Amino acid sequence: MKQLTIVGAGWAGLAAAVAATQAGWQVTLFEAAPLAGGRARSLQQNFADKPLDNGQHVLIGAYRDTLALMRTVGLNPEALLQRLPLDLRFPDGQGLSLPDWPLPFNLLAGVARANGWSLKDKASLIQASWHWQRTGFTCDDTWTVAQLCEDARLSPRVMQQLIEPLCLSALNTPLHQASATVYLRVLQDALLGGSGSSDLLVPRIDLGALLPDACLQWLSTQGADIRLGQRITAGALEALTHANSPTQATLLACPPWEAARLSADLAPKWAYPCAELQHTAIATVYLRCTDAGFAGLPRPMMALYSDAQAPAQFVFDRGALTAQPGLLAAVVSACSAERDEVTEQVYDQVCEQLELTNLEVVQTVVEKRATLACTPLLNRPEPFIAPGLWACGDYICGPYPSTLEGAVRSGQQVVTQLSQMADRQRLG
């Protein structure tokens, strides 16, 4: 019997548990928190009798593995996610919006019709896109996104209204620090990944119901041993990994700092650089609008003009998305301010740019270590830690930045490696 112990029930751990169960492993899943989901989970706080989330998350159509996982555990992504053609228009109507057409016609039409963009702006984006495609969406590994844009001679307006918000939302790292190599990889999947790849997929339900709850239910019916609210100690981990056998393994699917703490004695050469990884924060400010006659935003998601004093890049209409009338969620990627300061700044920003007068702060959620700082030449840990001990997560070495898709892929890929090792031993 192949036995796999998974420590952590975030999206990486859940993806690994489902994949391992399908591959014939007997799975035991530990989670220190009382709820599964990791950094993409529901909160206990409600609004309009529905849970808030620990942050406003968005998927894209190119996230094939996440969507496939949802279907595996009995969910219908088309019903649970609002599919929106890429729309980065601002409250004044400026910006890029792609029609629901096949590639590349949607991109060409969107650029041609971009409101507020000059012919020079549009030409600079078309030329840059053609250049990136011709070079296979590759560049110098040392480049930042800012250097990539300088090399492509993109106009300041295109950088402000398209490149920067996409970079912050995908990599959660500022332009002058973000890896151009990873950014281009995400663009390639979104632009060349087939029909609907560039679409935004915004949850219509709380994050717990979007995937974690269904995964737990599916795993339970398949005989997995699920232990929520149970924390694994370093001593317990050492006992679990004592048996050096390809058919018995432990997988750390917890955050990198926790994985480093647990494995410090077993594998210090892996744990030390893992503990030194740098992270960036994401803040979500939930606001309730009580303006007379407010019936929601013109679109479920709108871009916001952002700077140091107005830090939010996007605002979401939770009334239209999750049936929580009057509730807005403003997202600050690469957040550097403290909770009170960012709340006040976003409050003023939303009032001014959306021309609203009566707002109430419902909750501000700050994930201080939401994602890796996705910088050039970032040395991400390998999944193998020590004999019988592995790791998965959105921080593990892989092609994607710290996204839900990156977490899901990591969990599935490690299980594939473990299963191949076990099969080789059996065939022997």
Protein backbone atom coordinates (compact mmCIF):
# COMPACT_ATOMS: atom_id res chain seq x y z
CA MET A 1 0.00 0.00 0.00
CA LYS A 2 1.34 3.41 -1.01
CA GLN A 3 0.96 5.86 1.89
CA LEU A 4 1.27 9.64 1.57
CA THR A 5 1.08 12.08 4.47
CA ILE A 6 0.36 15.65 3.39
CA VAL A 7 0.98 18.55 5.77
CA GLY A 8 -1.19 21.50 4.74
CA ALA A 9 -4.61 21.75 3.12
CA GLY A 10 -4.15 24.83 0.98
CA TRP A 11 -4.77 24.58 -2.74
CA ALA A 12 -1.41 22.83 -3.34
CA GLY A 13 -2.05 20.26 -0.60
CA LEU A 14 -5.62 19.64 -1.76
CA ALA A 15 -4.51 19.22 -5.38
CA ALA A 16 -1.82 16.78 -4.24
CA ALA A 17 -4.28 14.84 -2.08
CA VAL A 18 -6.76 14.44 -4.95
CA ALA A 19 -4.05 13.45 -7.45
CA ALA A 20 -2.51 10.98 -4.99
CA THR A 21 -5.87 9.39 -4.23
CA GLN A 22 -6.50 8.97 -7.95
CA ALA A 23 -3.06 7.34 -8.28
CA GLY A 24 -3.83 4.76 -5.58
CA TRP A 25 -2.16 6.31 -2.54
CA GLN A 26 -3.69 6.12 0.91
CA VAL A 27 -3.70 9.79 1.93
CA THR A 28 -3.56 11.33 5.40
CA LEU A 29 -4.06 15.11 5.28
CA PHE A 30 -3.08 17.35 8.20
CA GLU A 31 -4.07 21.03 8.47
CA ALA A 32 -3.21 23.20 11.45
CA ALA A 33 -6.13 25.60 10.84
CA PRO A 34 -9.76 24.59 11.38
CA LEU A 35 -10.53 25.39 7.71
CA ALA A 36 -8.89 24.30 4.48
CA GLY A 37 -7.87 26.67 1.69
CA GLY A 38 -4.66 28.29 2.89
CA ARG A 39 -4.36 31.86 1.63
CA ALA A 40 -7.44 31.43 -0.58
CA ARG A 41 -10.09 30.66 2.00
CA SER A 42 -13.33 31.97 3.45
CA LEU A 43 -13.51 33.99 6.65
CA GLN A 44 -15.88 33.47 9.53
CA GLN A 45 -17.15 37.03 9.06
CA ASN A 46 -20.31 37.35 6.94
CA PHE A 47 -21.90 40.10 4.87
CA ALA A 48 -25.48 39.69 3.61
CA ASP A 49 -25.47 36.20 5.14
CA LYS A 50 -22.56 35.11 2.96
CA PRO A 51 -18.92 34.69 4.00
CA LEU A 52 -16.23 37.21 3.20
CA ASP A 53 -12.95 35.90 1.81
CA ASN A 54 -9.43 36.46 3.03
CA GLY A 55 -8.82 38.30 -0.23
CA GLN A 56 -10.41 38.93 -3.62
CA HIS A 57 -8.95 36.31 -5.95
CA VAL A 58 -9.16 36.16 -9.74
CA LEU A 59 -8.29 33.27 -12.04
CA ILE A 60 -7.71 33.44 -15.79
CA GLY A 61 -8.91 31.11 -18.52
CA ALA A 62 -5.36 29.74 -18.95
CA TYR A 63 -5.54 28.11 -15.49
CA ARG A 64 -6.35 24.72 -17.04
CA ASP A 65 -5.22 22.53 -14.13
CA THR A 66 -7.23 24.43 -11.53
CA LEU A 67 -10.37 24.26 -13.66
CA ALA A 68 -9.80 20.54 -14.28
CA LEU A 69 -9.38 19.93 -10.53
CA MET A 70 -12.69 21.66 -9.87
CA ARG A 71 -14.40 19.31 -12.33
CA THR A 72 -12.71 16.27 -10.79
CA VAL A 73 -14.26 16.95 -7.39
CA GLY A 74 -17.71 17.51 -8.88
CA LEU A 75 -17.80 21.27 -9.36
CA ASN A 76 -18.91 23.21 -12.43
CA PRO A 77 -16.48 26.10 -13.04
CA GLU A 78 -18.82 27.69 -15.58
CA ALA A 79 -21.47 28.07 -12.89
CA LEU A 80 -19.16 29.13 -10.05
CA LEU A 81 -16.90 31.58 -11.91
CA GLN A 82 -18.01 34.71 -13.74
CA ARG A 83 -16.15 34.67 -17.07
CA LEU A 84 -15.24 38.16 -18.27
CA PRO A 85 -13.25 39.00 -21.39
CA LEU A 86 -10.17 40.92 -20.29
CA ASP A 87 -11.40 44.38 -19.32
CA LEU A 88 -9.01 46.87 -17.72
CA ARG A 89 -11.06 50.01 -18.21
CA PHE A 90 -10.96 52.74 -15.59
CA PRO A 91 -13.93 54.65 -14.14
CA ASP A 92 -13.52 57.38 -16.79
CA GLY A 93 -13.75 54.76 -19.55
CA GLN A 94 -10.09 54.85 -20.55
CA GLY A 95 -8.14 51.63 -20.99
CA LEU A 96 -8.16 48.32 -22.81
CA SER A 97 -11.15 46.01 -23.17
CA LEU A 98 -11.07 42.88 -25.33
CA PRO A 99 -14.20 41.71 -27.15
CA ASP A 100 -15.28 38.08 -26.83
CA TRP A 101 -13.66 37.09 -30.13
CA PRO A 102 -11.03 34.46 -31.06
CA LEU A 103 -7.35 35.31 -30.77
CA PRO A 104 -5.68 37.36 -32.22
CA PHE A 105 -8.70 39.30 -33.45
CA ASN A 106 -9.84 40.16 -29.92
CA LEU A 107 -6.45 41.69 -29.09
CA LEU A 108 -6.27 43.66 -32.33
CA ALA A 109 -9.83 44.95 -31.94
CA GLY A 110 -9.32 45.78 -28.27
CA VAL A 111 -6.20 47.78 -28.98
CA ALA A 112 -7.81 49.56 -31.93
CA ARG A 113 -10.77 50.61 -29.75
CA ALA A 114 -8.82 51.41 -26.56
CA ASN A 115 -10.37 54.60 -25.25
CA GLY A 116 -7.98 57.43 -24.44
CA TRP A 117 -5.04 55.82 -26.25
CA SER A 118 -3.28 57.66 -29.06
CA LEU A 119 -2.17 55.98 -32.27
CA LYS A 120 1.34 55.98 -30.83
CA ASP A 121 0.14 54.15 -27.71
CA LYS A 122 -1.66 51.51 -29.76
CA ALA A 123 1.21 51.04 -32.18
CA SER A 124 3.70 50.59 -29.35
CA LEU A 125 1.65 47.73 -27.84
CA ILE A 126 1.06 45.98 -31.19
CA GLN A 127 4.76 46.20 -32.04
CA ALA A 128 5.79 44.96 -28.59
CA SER A 129 3.34 42.04 -28.72
CA TRP A 130 4.57 41.03 -32.16
CA HIS A 131 8.19 41.24 -30.99
CA TRP A 132 7.50 39.10 -27.89
CA GLN A 133 5.69 36.48 -29.95
CA ARG A 134 8.45 36.40 -32.56
CA THR A 135 11.07 35.80 -29.84
CA GLY A 136 9.02 33.03 -28.22
CA PHE A 137 8.07 35.17 -25.21
CA THR A 138 11.64 35.02 -23.90
CA CYS A 139 14.10 37.69 -22.81
CA ASP A 140 17.25 38.19 -20.78
CA ASP A 141 16.74 36.34 -17.49
CA THR A 142 18.12 39.29 -15.54
CA TRP A 143 15.55 41.78 -16.85
CA THR A 144 12.79 43.31 -14.82
CA VAL A 145 9.42 44.07 -16.39
CA ALA A 146 10.40 47.75 -16.46
CA GLN A 147 13.51 46.88 -18.51
CA LEU A 148 11.42 44.69 -20.81
CA CYS A 149 9.05 47.59 -21.48
CA GLU A 150 11.92 50.00 -22.04
CA ASP A 151 13.44 47.62 -24.58
CA ALA A 152 10.06 47.31 -26.33
CA ARG A 153 9.59 51.10 -26.27
CA LEU A 154 6.11 50.89 -24.82
CA SER A 155 4.42 54.22 -24.28
CA PRO A 156 3.94 55.52 -20.70
CA ARG A 157 0.14 55.28 -21.04
CA VAL A 158 0.27 51.60 -22.05
CA MET A 159 2.60 50.88 -19.16
CA GLN A 160 0.34 52.70 -16.68
CA GLN A 161 -2.99 51.37 -17.91
CA LEU A 162 -2.07 47.83 -18.98
CA ILE A 163 1.39 46.50 -18.15
CA GLU A 164 1.60 47.69 -14.54
CA PRO A 165 -1.84 46.48 -13.36
CA LEU A 166 -1.31 43.12 -15.08
CA CYS A 167 2.15 42.77 -13.55
CA LEU A 168 0.91 43.58 -10.06
CA SER A 169 -2.07 41.25 -10.30
CA ALA A 170 -0.10 38.32 -11.77
CA LEU A 171 3.25 38.63 -9.98
CA ASN A 172 2.35 40.83 -6.97
CA THR A 173 5.68 42.58 -7.51
CA PRO A 174 6.34 46.16 -8.73
CA LEU A 175 7.48 46.72 -12.33
CA HIS A 176 11.03 47.71 -11.42
CA GLN A 177 11.49 44.53 -9.35
CA ALA A 178 9.37 41.90 -11.16
CA SER A 179 10.88 39.18 -13.34
CA ALA A 180 10.30 39.84 -17.03
CA THR A 181 10.85 36.15 -17.81
CA VAL A 182 7.97 35.03 -15.59
CA TYR A 183 5.76 37.89 -16.76
CA LEU A 184 6.23 36.88 -20.39
CA ARG A 185 5.42 33.26 -19.52
CA VAL A 186 2.08 34.32 -18.04
CA LEU A 187 1.38 36.53 -21.06
CA GLN A 188 2.19 33.64 -23.41
CA ASP A 189 -0.30 31.33 -21.68
CA ALA A 190 -2.96 34.02 -21.61
CA LEU A 191 -2.52 35.17 -25.21
CA LEU A 192 -1.64 31.87 -26.92
CA GLY A 193 -3.34 29.35 -24.67
CA GLY A 194 -6.39 28.95 -26.87
CA SER A 195 -9.94 30.23 -26.75
CA GLY A 196 -10.80 32.03 -23.52
CA SER A 197 -7.25 31.89 -22.11
CA SER A 198 -7.11 35.63 -21.48
CA ASP A 199 -10.56 35.77 -19.89
CA LEU A 200 -10.83 36.75 -16.24
CA LEU A 201 -12.62 34.23 -14.01
CA VAL A 202 -14.04 35.89 -10.91
CA PRO A 203 -15.63 33.75 -8.15
CA ARG A 204 -19.41 33.99 -7.73
CA ILE A 205 -19.24 32.21 -4.35
CA ASP A 206 -16.98 32.33 -1.33
CA LEU A 207 -13.53 30.77 -1.71
CA GLY A 208 -14.27 27.87 0.61
CA ALA A 209 -17.15 26.76 -1.58
CA LEU A 210 -15.14 27.44 -4.74
CA LEU A 211 -12.78 24.47 -4.18
CA PRO A 212 -11.59 23.50 -0.65
CA ASP A 213 -14.94 22.28 0.70
CA ALA A 214 -15.60 20.12 -2.36
CA CYS A 215 -12.06 18.68 -2.23
CA LEU A 216 -12.50 17.66 1.39
CA GLN A 217 -15.84 16.06 0.67
CA TRP A 218 -14.45 14.18 -2.36
CA LEU A 219 -11.41 12.99 -0.39
CA SER A 220 -13.62 11.79 2.47
CA THR A 221 -15.73 9.69 0.13
CA GLN A 222 -12.51 8.18 -1.29
CA GLY A 223 -11.30 7.09 2.15
CA ALA A 224 -8.70 9.77 2.87
CA ASP A 225 -7.91 10.51 6.53
CA ILE A 226 -8.51 14.26 7.01
CA ARG A 227 -7.31 15.91 10.21
CA LEU A 228 -8.18 19.59 10.40
CA GLY A 229 -6.99 21.63 13.38
CA GLN A 230 -3.98 19.36 13.94
CA ARG A 231 -0.47 20.79 13.77
CA ILE A 232 2.50 18.59 12.92
CA THR A 233 5.65 19.14 15.01
CA ALA A 234 9.22 18.74 13.79
CA GLY A 235 9.54 15.64 15.97
CA ALA A 236 6.42 14.10 14.48
CA LEU A 237 7.68 14.88 10.99
CA GLU A 238 10.97 13.12 11.69
CA ALA A 239 9.08 10.03 12.85
CA LEU A 240 6.91 10.11 9.71
CA THR A 241 9.92 10.26 7.38
CA HIS A 242 11.99 7.63 9.23
CA ALA A 243 10.91 4.87 6.86
CA ASN A 244 12.94 5.41 3.67
CA SER A 245 10.64 3.77 1.12
CA PRO A 246 9.25 5.02 -2.21
CA THR A 247 5.82 3.79 -1.13
CA GLN A 248 5.81 5.86 2.05
CA ALA A 249 6.31 9.60 1.73
CA THR A 250 5.54 12.90 3.43
CA LEU A 251 4.69 16.03 1.49
CA LEU A 252 4.98 19.49 3.05
CA ALA A 253 2.23 21.57 1.47
CA CYS A 254 2.42 24.30 4.10
CA PRO A 255 3.83 27.83 3.65
CA PRO A 256 7.60 28.05 3.01
CA TRP A 257 8.44 29.45 6.43
CA GLU A 258 6.58 26.57 8.08
CA ALA A 259 8.15 24.00 5.76
CA ALA A 260 11.57 25.46 6.59
CA ARG A 261 10.90 25.26 10.33
CA LEU A 262 9.72 21.67 10.17
CA SER A 263 12.60 20.46 8.00
CA ALA A 264 15.42 22.48 9.59
CA ASP A 265 16.99 19.52 11.41
CA LEU A 266 16.32 16.96 8.68
CA ALA A 267 17.55 19.04 5.74
CA PRO A 268 19.19 22.33 6.78
CA LYS A 269 20.63 22.97 3.29
CA TRP A 270 17.08 22.99 1.90
CA ALA A 271 15.43 24.73 4.85
CA TYR A 272 17.76 27.71 5.25
CA PRO A 273 17.34 29.30 1.78
CA CYS A 274 13.63 28.44 1.95
CA ALA A 275 13.30 30.44 5.18
CA GLU A 276 15.09 33.39 3.53
CA LEU A 277 12.61 33.77 0.66
CA GLN A 278 11.15 37.26 0.39
CA HIS A 279 7.39 37.79 0.21
CA THR A 280 5.03 40.60 -0.73
CA ALA A 281 1.66 41.52 0.75
CA ILE A 282 -1.84 41.84 -0.67
CA ALA A 283 -4.57 43.90 1.00
CA THR A 284 -8.29 43.69 0.30
CA VAL A 285 -10.45 46.52 1.63
CA TYR A 286 -14.14 45.67 1.84
CA LEU A 287 -16.38 48.76 1.63
CA ARG A 288 -20.14 49.06 1.84
CA CYS A 289 -21.77 51.76 -0.28
CA THR A 290 -24.95 53.29 1.13
CA ASP A 291 -25.41 56.02 -1.49
CA ALA A 292 -29.08 56.47 -2.33
CA GLY A 293 -29.87 54.70 -5.57
CA PHE A 294 -26.53 52.86 -5.76
CA ALA A 295 -27.25 49.77 -7.85
CA GLY A 296 -23.68 48.59 -8.26
CA LEU A 297 -20.75 49.39 -10.53
CA PRO A 298 -21.09 49.60 -14.31
CA ARG A 299 -18.94 46.45 -14.53
CA PRO A 300 -18.25 43.66 -12.00
CA MET A 301 -14.55 44.58 -12.03
CA MET A 302 -12.99 47.96 -12.71
CA ALA A 303 -9.40 49.19 -12.84
CA LEU A 304 -8.41 52.11 -10.64
CA TYR A 305 -5.72 54.72 -11.19
CA SER A 306 -3.12 53.92 -8.55
CA ASP A 307 -0.09 55.57 -7.01
CA ALA A 308 1.55 55.79 -3.59
CA GLN A 309 -1.43 57.65 -2.09
CA ALA A 310 -4.12 55.71 -3.98
CA PRO A 311 -2.76 52.15 -3.83
CA ALA A 312 -5.67 49.95 -5.03
CA GLN A 313 -5.40 48.67 -8.61
CA PHE A 314 -8.87 47.09 -8.93
CA VAL A 315 -12.30 47.22 -7.34
CA PHE A 316 -14.89 44.43 -7.53
CA ASP A 317 -18.66 44.67 -7.19
CA ARG A 318 -19.52 41.84 -4.81
CA GLY A 319 -23.19 42.63 -5.23
CA ALA A 320 -23.03 41.61 -8.88
CA LEU A 321 -20.66 38.72 -8.27
CA THR A 322 -21.61 37.11 -4.96
CA ALA A 323 -25.07 38.56 -4.22
CA GLN A 324 -23.76 40.82 -1.44
CA PRO A 325 -25.50 44.11 -2.40
CA GLY A 326 -23.57 47.30 -1.84
CA LEU A 327 -20.30 45.50 -1.03
CA LEU A 328 -17.14 46.54 -2.88
CA ALA A 329 -13.75 44.84 -2.62
CA ALA A 330 -10.72 47.00 -3.48
CA VAL A 331 -7.44 45.12 -4.00
CA VAL A 332 -3.95 46.44 -3.28
CA SER A 333 -1.25 44.21 -4.75
CA ALA A 334 2.35 44.59 -3.51
CA CYS A 335 0.95 46.41 -0.51
CA SER A 336 3.58 48.20 1.60
CA ALA A 337 1.43 50.27 3.99
CA GLU A 338 0.05 49.24 7.37
CA ARG A 339 -3.59 48.21 7.71
CA ASP A 340 -5.01 51.52 9.00
CA GLU A 341 -3.11 53.60 6.47
CA VAL A 342 -4.06 51.46 3.47
CA THR A 343 -7.70 51.41 4.61
CA GLU A 344 -7.86 55.20 4.76
CA GLN A 345 -6.07 55.61 1.43
CA VAL A 346 -8.32 53.13 -0.39
CA TYR A 347 -11.45 54.66 1.16
CA ASP A 348 -10.51 58.08 -0.21
CA GLN A 349 -9.44 56.61 -3.56
CA VAL A 350 -12.70 54.75 -4.13
CA CYS A 351 -14.79 57.75 -3.08
CA GLU A 352 -12.94 60.04 -5.48
CA GLN A 353 -12.56 57.82 -8.53
CA LEU A 354 -16.02 56.22 -8.37
CA GLU A 355 -17.68 59.45 -7.22
CA LEU A 356 -19.28 57.83 -4.18
CA THR A 357 -20.02 59.71 -0.98
CA ASN A 358 -21.35 57.25 1.59
CA LEU A 359 -18.95 54.39 2.22
CA GLU A 360 -18.45 52.28 5.32
CA VAL A 361 -15.38 50.14 5.99
CA VAL A 362 -16.51 46.56 6.54
CA GLN A 363 -13.15 44.82 6.86
CA THR A 364 -9.56 45.11 5.71
CA VAL A 365 -7.71 41.85 5.15
CA VAL A 366 -3.93 42.02 4.83
CA GLU A 367 -1.98 38.92 3.84
CA LYS A 368 1.53 40.09 4.75
CA ARG A 369 3.24 37.12 3.09
CA ALA A 370 0.77 36.51 0.30
CA THR A 371 3.20 35.59 -2.49
CA LEU A 372 6.87 35.34 -3.32
CA ALA A 373 8.56 38.48 -4.46
CA CYS A 374 8.86 37.37 -8.09
CA THR A 375 12.24 38.90 -8.94
CA PRO A 376 14.71 38.02 -11.73
CA LEU A 377 16.89 34.93 -11.21
CA LEU A 378 14.90 33.97 -8.11
CA ASN A 379 16.28 30.70 -6.71
CA ARG A 380 13.15 28.80 -5.74
CA PRO A 381 13.42 25.56 -3.73
CA GLU A 382 13.25 22.17 -5.41
CA PRO A 383 10.42 19.83 -4.35
CA PHE A 384 12.79 17.14 -3.03
CA ILE A 385 13.87 17.85 0.56
CA ALA A 386 15.26 14.55 1.86
CA PRO A 387 14.58 10.84 1.35
CA GLY A 388 10.87 10.35 1.92
CA LEU A 389 10.26 14.10 2.35
CA TRP A 390 9.01 16.45 -0.37
CA ALA A 391 7.45 19.89 -0.68
CA CYS A 392 4.88 21.50 -2.93
CA GLY A 393 3.37 24.97 -3.14
CA ASP A 394 3.32 28.11 -5.23
CA TYR A 395 6.87 28.91 -4.01
CA ILE A 396 8.44 25.67 -5.28
CA CYS A 397 10.56 25.77 -8.45
CA GLY A 398 8.27 25.99 -11.45
CA PRO A 399 7.29 28.15 -14.42
CA TYR A 400 4.46 30.08 -12.73
CA PRO A 401 4.50 32.87 -10.15
CA SER A 402 2.75 32.53 -6.77
CA THR A 403 -0.74 31.95 -8.09
CA LEU A 404 -3.49 29.43 -7.41
CA GLU A 405 -2.62 27.71 -10.67
CA GLY A 406 1.02 27.51 -9.62
CA ALA A 407 0.01 25.91 -6.32
CA VAL A 408 -2.26 23.35 -7.99
CA ARG A 409 0.34 22.43 -10.61
CA SER A 410 3.03 22.01 -7.95
CA GLY A 411 0.93 19.61 -5.88
CA GLN A 412 0.03 17.51 -8.90
CA GLN A 413 3.57 17.39 -10.29
CA VAL A 414 5.11 16.15 -7.03
CA VAL A 415 2.56 13.34 -6.84
CA THR A 416 3.45 12.37 -10.40
CA GLN A 417 7.12 12.11 -9.41
CA LEU A 418 6.32 10.08 -6.29
CA SER A 419 4.10 7.71 -8.24
CA GLN A 420 6.77 7.15 -10.88
CA MET A 421 9.31 6.28 -8.17
CA ALA A 422 6.90 3.88 -6.50
CA ASP A 423 6.09 2.21 -9.83
CA ARG A 424 9.78 1.75 -10.64
CA GLN A 425 10.32 0.00 -7.30
CA ARG A 426 7.30 -2.27 -7.87
CA LEU A 427 8.51 -3.25 -11.33
CA GLY A 428 11.92 -3.60 -10.04
